[in-house]
Protein backbone atom coordinates (compact mmCIF):
# COMPACT_ATOMS: atom_id res chain seq x y z
CA MET A 1 -0.12 -0.23 -0.52
CA LEU A 2 1.36 3.62 -0.92
CA ILE A 3 -0.30 6.68 0.43
CA GLY A 4 -0.49 9.86 -2.51
CA ARG A 5 -2.79 12.53 -3.48
CA VAL A 6 -4.95 13.26 -5.80
CA VAL A 7 -3.99 15.31 -8.31
CA GLY A 8 -6.34 15.10 -11.18
CA THR A 9 -9.05 13.19 -13.06
CA LEU A 10 -9.23 11.39 -16.24
CA VAL A 11 -12.61 10.05 -18.48
CA ALA A 12 -12.11 7.71 -21.27
CA THR A 13 -15.47 7.85 -23.25
CA GLN A 14 -14.05 4.19 -24.32
CA LYS A 15 -12.91 1.67 -21.92
CA HIS A 16 -12.94 -1.90 -21.03
CA ARG A 17 -16.31 -2.95 -20.71
CA LYS A 18 -15.89 -4.19 -16.60
CA LEU A 19 -14.66 -0.28 -15.77
CA GLU A 20 -17.61 0.92 -16.94
CA GLY A 21 -19.23 3.16 -14.32
CA ALA A 22 -16.01 3.40 -12.41
CA LYS A 23 -13.89 6.50 -11.88
CA LEU A 24 -10.60 7.40 -12.48
CA LEU A 25 -8.60 9.42 -10.95
CA LEU A 26 -4.57 10.43 -11.24
CA VAL A 27 -2.74 9.77 -7.90
CA GLN A 28 0.66 11.31 -6.75
CA PRO A 29 2.57 9.10 -4.57
CA LEU A 30 3.87 10.41 -1.55
CA THR A 31 6.77 9.64 1.02
CA LEU A 32 5.76 9.46 5.10
CA GLU A 33 6.58 13.41 4.97
CA GLY A 34 4.24 14.04 1.98
CA ALA A 35 6.75 15.00 0.00
CA PRO A 36 6.05 13.68 -4.48
CA ARG A 37 7.51 10.20 -5.31
CA GLY A 38 7.32 9.02 -8.44
CA ALA A 39 5.45 9.80 -11.34
CA ALA A 40 1.42 9.61 -11.11
CA VAL A 41 -0.56 6.44 -10.86
CA LEU A 42 -3.94 6.43 -12.69
CA THR A 43 -6.40 4.17 -10.32
CA ILE A 44 -9.50 3.68 -9.65
CA ASP A 45 -11.58 5.06 -6.91
CA SER A 46 -13.56 3.06 -4.56
CA VAL A 47 -14.45 5.36 -1.90
CA GLY A 48 -15.32 8.40 -3.35
CA ALA A 49 -11.87 10.51 -3.09
CA GLY A 50 -11.67 13.87 -4.29
CA VAL A 51 -9.45 16.16 -5.99
CA GLY A 52 -6.42 17.51 -3.32
CA GLU A 53 -7.77 14.69 -0.54
CA LYS A 54 -4.56 12.16 0.67
CA VAL A 55 -5.48 8.78 0.03
CA LEU A 56 -4.14 4.97 0.51
CA ILE A 57 -3.53 3.28 -2.86
CA VAL A 58 -2.91 -0.68 -3.53
CA ILE A 59 -0.88 -0.97 -6.57
CA GLU A 60 -1.43 -4.40 -8.49
CA GLY A 61 -2.58 -7.62 -7.17
CA ARG A 62 -5.85 -9.22 -6.51
CA ALA A 63 -6.38 -6.15 -4.42
CA ALA A 64 -6.59 -3.49 -6.78
CA GLY A 65 -8.78 -5.63 -8.54
CA ASP A 66 -11.30 -6.39 -5.80
CA ALA A 67 -11.20 -2.85 -4.89
CA LEU A 68 -13.80 -2.63 -8.18
CA ARG A 69 -15.90 -5.34 -6.93
CA LYS A 70 -15.79 -7.16 -10.68
CA LYS A 71 -14.74 -10.37 -10.56
CA ALA A 72 -11.59 -10.50 -12.98
CA ALA A 73 -11.57 -6.60 -13.82
CA PRO A 74 -8.27 -5.66 -15.33
CA VAL A 75 -7.06 -3.11 -12.89
CA ASP A 76 -3.21 -2.12 -11.90
CA ALA A 77 -4.33 0.44 -9.05
CA ALA A 78 -6.83 1.68 -6.69
CA ILE A 79 -7.85 3.86 -3.79
CA ILE A 80 -8.91 1.83 -0.92
CA GLY A 81 -9.53 4.62 1.52
CA ILE A 82 -9.59 8.14 2.69
CA ILE A 83 -6.46 9.61 4.79
CA ASP A 84 -7.89 11.57 8.01
CA GLU A 85 -4.36 11.95 9.38
CA VAL A 86 -0.91 10.95 9.13
CA THR A 87 1.08 10.38 13.15
CA LEU A 88 4.76 9.56 12.85
CA ASP A 89 6.31 8.55 16.30
CA GLY A 90 9.90 10.91 16.31
CA SER A 91 11.36 8.64 19.30
CA SER A 92 13.55 5.95 16.82
């Protein structure tokens, strides 16, 4: 799982039938401190996230496809949570 921030939306009028009705969002992965990390990722939104929100994403594997709740959907990344707060323990 990764932490990221929703930075945009994507509209595709033609897409795989298993993706019909799915909301597509661009997410910028972040470090724990909130700095950008790597390139933005195209994700399926399963929780109703919006632009500017900090989110929890899964990349590839069965978890990404399961987020859409459609068997064998061609999904590489999915938003599975909206983050309210991140607290780092500075004792180490």
